[in-house]
Amino acid sequence: MAGRERARMVAAGGDHKVTPAELFFDLVFVYAITQVTALMAAHPSPVRVVGAMTVLALLWWCWCAFAWLGNVVRADSGALFAVLVTVMTVVFVVSLAVPEVFADAPGGLPAPVVFVVCYGLVRTLHLVSYWVSSPGDTALRATLRRTALLSVAPPFVLLLMGCAYDGPPRLLLGAAAIVLRCSGPRPTALLVGGVCCLAAGPLVALVPALLAMALLAAAVTALVTAHDHRARAAAAG
């Protein structure tokens, strides 16, 4: 009986504050988001920047899903704490795979497959956590079923298919997964109410990551323009 009580979700009160568990959870996502800049810096090009934005969007949605869940139940006790520890472990593995998502290095496990499988696991844990947190909410569970069928499973299949290709085909399948993800049920449909309790650590990492993407895109554009000018000058000479 005591074990069953510890396994239950603990509802968050109105005076709930950010806990060390939530801060550490954010820190893991911060590291994963900063790895996106390494993904772009390896082979700077417009295609790589677009691919990095796809990876960044997937990571951002994963974090937002648990940020909304932290509004409903406490993250430092009950079953959600075990879920957060599992998600942190999976996201740390994701962060190690991010720099090789589009250019897998020889040896070891294939980074694209590791990234996609871990992403699917995080999204599944998110849905399971919501399912367990509200056992008597039929409307919420109906929304969860629609989310799983429309916003989780189809994008996951497309991302997994993309692992079999290199270059533009993988990027196109990733973009299609993003479109399906956006066209499904909105994450806010799972929000019970109030303000999210998880800290905004990933927001701090998101700003410099976006700035780095913008600067890299500008640098690539300048290099392409300079190359075109030299080519025209050489042709005219």
Protein backbone atom coordinates (compact mmCIF):
# COMPACT_ATOMS: atom_id res chain seq x y z
CA MET A 1 0.00 0.00 0.00
CA ALA A 2 2.81 2.41 0.90
CA GLY A 3 4.59 1.62 -2.35
CA ARG A 4 1.40 2.34 -4.29
CA GLU A 5 1.05 5.72 -2.58
CA ARG A 6 4.65 6.65 -3.46
CA ALA A 7 4.01 5.70 -7.09
CA ARG A 8 1.09 8.11 -7.47
CA MET A 9 1.33 11.59 -8.96
CA VAL A 10 1.28 14.34 -6.33
CA ALA A 11 -0.84 17.36 -7.27
CA ALA A 12 0.94 20.72 -7.30
CA GLY A 13 -0.50 23.35 -4.97
CA GLY A 14 -0.98 27.03 -5.67
CA ASP A 15 2.17 27.92 -3.71
CA HIS A 16 4.39 25.38 -5.49
CA LYS A 17 7.91 26.68 -6.23
CA VAL A 18 10.67 25.46 -8.50
CA THR A 19 12.59 22.52 -7.02
CA PRO A 20 16.19 21.36 -7.56
CA ALA A 21 14.87 18.43 -9.59
CA GLU A 22 13.18 20.82 -12.03
CA LEU A 23 16.28 23.00 -12.29
CA PHE A 24 18.48 20.02 -13.07
CA PHE A 25 15.90 18.85 -15.60
CA ASP A 26 16.17 22.23 -17.32
CA LEU A 27 19.96 22.07 -17.24
CA VAL A 28 19.99 18.84 -19.22
CA PHE A 29 17.79 20.42 -21.88
CA VAL A 30 20.04 23.51 -21.92
CA TYR A 31 22.99 21.28 -22.80
CA ALA A 32 21.01 19.52 -25.54
CA ILE A 33 19.94 22.86 -27.06
CA THR A 34 23.49 24.24 -27.04
CA GLN A 35 24.61 21.11 -28.92
CA VAL A 36 22.54 22.35 -31.87
CA THR A 37 25.21 25.01 -32.50
CA ALA A 38 27.81 22.24 -32.77
CA LEU A 39 25.57 20.56 -35.34
CA MET A 40 25.60 23.72 -37.47
CA ALA A 41 29.27 24.57 -36.99
CA ALA A 42 30.46 21.17 -38.26
CA HIS A 43 29.38 21.88 -41.86
CA PRO A 44 27.96 25.43 -42.14
CA SER A 45 25.48 25.69 -44.99
CA PRO A 46 21.89 26.85 -45.50
CA VAL A 47 20.71 23.23 -45.57
CA ARG A 48 22.45 22.48 -42.26
CA VAL A 49 20.91 25.58 -40.66
CA VAL A 50 17.42 24.41 -41.69
CA GLY A 51 18.18 20.94 -40.35
CA ALA A 52 19.39 22.41 -37.08
CA MET A 53 16.16 24.37 -36.75
CA THR A 54 14.26 21.08 -37.15
CA VAL A 55 16.29 19.48 -34.35
CA LEU A 56 15.83 22.57 -32.19
CA ALA A 57 12.05 22.47 -32.69
CA LEU A 58 11.88 18.82 -31.63
CA LEU A 59 13.93 19.50 -28.48
CA TRP A 60 11.88 22.58 -27.65
CA TRP A 61 8.58 20.70 -27.89
CA CYS A 62 9.93 17.95 -25.65
CA TRP A 63 10.79 20.49 -22.98
CA CYS A 64 7.49 22.37 -23.29
CA ALA A 65 5.53 19.13 -22.85
CA PHE A 66 7.03 18.53 -19.43
CA ALA A 67 6.90 22.21 -18.51
CA TRP A 68 3.11 22.06 -18.90
CA LEU A 69 2.96 18.81 -16.97
CA GLY A 70 4.85 20.44 -14.09
CA ASN A 71 1.90 22.79 -13.70
CA VAL A 72 -0.35 19.87 -12.74
CA VAL A 73 1.76 17.61 -10.51
CA ARG A 74 4.87 17.99 -8.39
CA ALA A 75 8.10 17.07 -10.13
CA ASP A 76 10.09 16.30 -6.97
CA SER A 77 7.91 13.50 -5.59
CA GLY A 78 5.75 10.61 -6.65
CA ALA A 79 5.86 8.96 -10.05
CA LEU A 80 6.74 12.14 -11.95
CA PHE A 81 10.14 12.31 -10.26
CA ALA A 82 11.00 8.87 -11.63
CA VAL A 83 9.76 9.97 -15.06
CA LEU A 84 11.91 13.13 -14.94
CA VAL A 85 15.02 11.14 -14.04
CA THR A 86 14.36 8.80 -16.97
CA VAL A 87 13.75 11.72 -19.35
CA MET A 88 16.93 13.46 -18.18
CA THR A 89 18.93 10.33 -18.93
CA VAL A 90 17.36 9.98 -22.38
CA VAL A 91 17.82 13.68 -23.23
CA PHE A 92 21.48 13.50 -22.20
CA VAL A 93 21.92 10.66 -24.70
CA VAL A 94 20.10 12.83 -27.27
CA SER A 95 22.51 15.71 -26.63
CA LEU A 96 25.46 13.43 -27.41
CA ALA A 97 23.82 12.36 -30.68
CA VAL A 98 22.76 15.85 -31.88
CA PRO A 99 26.11 16.88 -33.49
CA GLU A 100 26.02 13.75 -35.70
CA VAL A 101 22.33 13.74 -36.65
CA PHE A 102 23.10 14.69 -40.28
CA ALA A 103 26.67 13.36 -40.51
CA ASP A 104 27.08 10.18 -38.52
CA ALA A 105 30.68 9.42 -37.55
CA PRO A 106 31.99 5.88 -38.14
CA GLY A 107 31.79 3.44 -35.26
CA GLY A 108 29.27 3.09 -32.46
CA LEU A 109 25.53 3.30 -32.72
CA PRO A 110 24.01 5.33 -35.60
CA ALA A 111 23.42 8.81 -34.19
CA PRO A 112 20.29 9.58 -36.29
CA VAL A 113 18.56 6.41 -35.07
CA VAL A 114 19.60 7.10 -31.46
CA PHE A 115 18.20 10.64 -31.69
CA VAL A 116 14.86 9.58 -33.19
CA VAL A 117 14.32 6.64 -30.83
CA CYS A 118 15.13 8.79 -27.79
CA TYR A 119 12.80 11.53 -29.07
CA GLY A 120 9.99 8.98 -29.41
CA LEU A 121 10.67 7.69 -25.90
CA VAL A 122 10.48 11.19 -24.41
CA ARG A 123 7.19 11.92 -26.18
CA THR A 124 5.78 8.57 -25.02
CA LEU A 125 6.79 9.23 -21.41
CA HIS A 126 5.08 12.62 -21.64
CA LEU A 127 1.78 11.10 -22.74
CA VAL A 128 1.98 8.30 -20.17
CA SER A 129 2.64 10.84 -17.42
CA TYR A 130 -0.48 12.83 -18.35
CA TRP A 131 -2.50 9.61 -18.55
CA VAL A 132 -1.46 8.57 -15.04
CA SER A 133 -1.86 12.06 -13.56
CA SER A 134 -5.60 12.26 -14.34
CA PRO A 135 -7.16 8.79 -14.05
CA GLY A 136 -10.75 10.07 -14.02
CA ASP A 137 -10.49 12.75 -16.72
CA THR A 138 -12.09 11.21 -19.81
CA ALA A 139 -11.75 14.42 -21.86
CA LEU A 140 -8.03 14.59 -21.17
CA ARG A 141 -7.53 10.95 -22.07
CA ALA A 142 -9.42 11.47 -25.34
CA THR A 143 -7.07 14.35 -26.12
CA LEU A 144 -4.09 12.15 -25.29
CA ARG A 145 -5.28 9.47 -27.69
CA ARG A 146 -5.69 12.04 -30.48
CA THR A 147 -2.27 13.48 -29.70
CA ALA A 148 -0.64 10.05 -29.84
CA LEU A 149 -2.33 9.14 -33.13
CA LEU A 150 -1.91 12.49 -34.90
CA SER A 151 1.03 14.37 -33.34
CA VAL A 152 3.36 11.68 -32.02
CA ALA A 153 3.17 8.46 -34.05
CA PRO A 154 3.17 9.89 -37.62
CA PRO A 155 6.10 12.32 -37.05
CA PHE A 156 8.04 9.55 -35.31
CA VAL A 157 7.56 7.24 -38.31
CA LEU A 158 8.72 9.96 -40.72
CA LEU A 159 11.79 10.73 -38.61
CA LEU A 160 12.62 7.04 -38.44
CA MET A 161 12.28 6.76 -42.22
CA GLY A 162 14.63 9.73 -42.57
CA CYS A 163 17.36 7.77 -40.80
CA ALA A 164 17.63 5.57 -43.89
CA TYR A 165 18.58 8.53 -46.10
CA ASP A 166 21.26 11.20 -46.19
CA GLY A 167 21.19 14.84 -47.21
CA PRO A 168 18.03 16.52 -48.57
CA PRO A 169 15.72 13.45 -48.28
CA ARG A 170 16.36 13.23 -44.54
CA LEU A 171 15.80 16.97 -44.21
CA LEU A 172 12.52 16.81 -46.17
CA LEU A 173 11.20 13.95 -44.05
CA GLY A 174 12.17 15.90 -40.93
CA ALA A 175 10.33 18.96 -42.22
CA ALA A 176 7.27 16.82 -42.97
CA ALA A 177 7.41 15.49 -39.41
CA ILE A 178 7.42 19.06 -38.10
CA VAL A 179 4.36 19.89 -40.24
CA LEU A 180 2.48 16.87 -38.90
CA ARG A 181 3.51 17.77 -35.38
CA CYS A 182 2.09 21.28 -35.81
CA SER A 183 -1.13 20.11 -37.47
CA GLY A 184 -2.12 17.78 -34.63
CA PRO A 185 -3.78 18.65 -31.31
CA ARG A 186 -2.22 21.64 -29.62
CA PRO A 187 -0.14 20.98 -26.49
CA THR A 188 -2.16 23.64 -24.68
CA ALA A 189 -5.14 21.27 -24.86
CA LEU A 190 -3.33 19.28 -22.16
CA LEU A 191 -2.84 22.25 -19.88
CA VAL A 192 -5.11 22.20 -16.85
CA GLY A 193 -4.60 25.81 -15.85
CA GLY A 194 -2.29 28.26 -14.14
CA VAL A 195 1.35 29.06 -14.74
CA CYS A 196 3.97 26.45 -15.58
CA CYS A 197 6.09 25.46 -12.61
CA LEU A 198 9.23 24.29 -14.38
CA ALA A 199 12.00 26.84 -14.59
CA ALA A 200 12.76 28.74 -17.80
CA GLY A 201 16.35 27.55 -18.09
CA PRO A 202 16.02 26.36 -21.71
CA LEU A 203 14.81 29.85 -22.64
CA VAL A 204 18.26 31.12 -21.65
CA ALA A 205 19.88 28.60 -23.98
CA LEU A 206 17.36 29.12 -26.79
CA VAL A 207 18.24 32.79 -27.30
CA PRO A 208 21.99 32.32 -27.92
CA ALA A 209 21.27 29.22 -30.02
CA LEU A 210 18.97 31.23 -32.27
CA LEU A 211 21.50 34.06 -32.44
CA ALA A 212 24.21 31.59 -33.39
CA MET A 213 21.96 30.22 -36.14
CA ALA A 214 21.27 33.72 -37.45
CA LEU A 215 24.96 34.65 -37.44
CA LEU A 216 25.92 31.40 -39.13
CA ALA A 217 23.24 31.88 -41.79
CA ALA A 218 24.52 35.42 -42.43
CA ALA A 219 28.08 34.15 -42.67
CA VAL A 220 27.11 31.43 -45.13
CA THR A 221 25.19 33.95 -47.23
CA ALA A 222 28.20 36.29 -47.27
CA LEU A 223 30.52 33.45 -48.31
CA VAL A 224 28.20 32.38 -51.12
CA THR A 225 27.88 35.98 -52.33
CA ALA A 226 31.64 36.48 -52.25
CA HIS A 227 32.16 33.24 -54.17
CA ASP A 228 29.68 34.35 -56.83
CA HIS A 229 31.46 37.71 -57.20
CA ARG A 230 34.85 36.00 -57.61
CA ALA A 231 33.40 33.58 -60.17
CA ARG A 232 31.89 36.44 -62.17
CA ALA A 233 35.12 38.41 -61.99
CA ALA A 234 37.10 35.42 -63.19
CA ALA A 235 34.66 34.81 -66.05
CA ALA A 236 34.79 38.48 -67.09
CA GLY A 237 38.61 38.48 -66.97
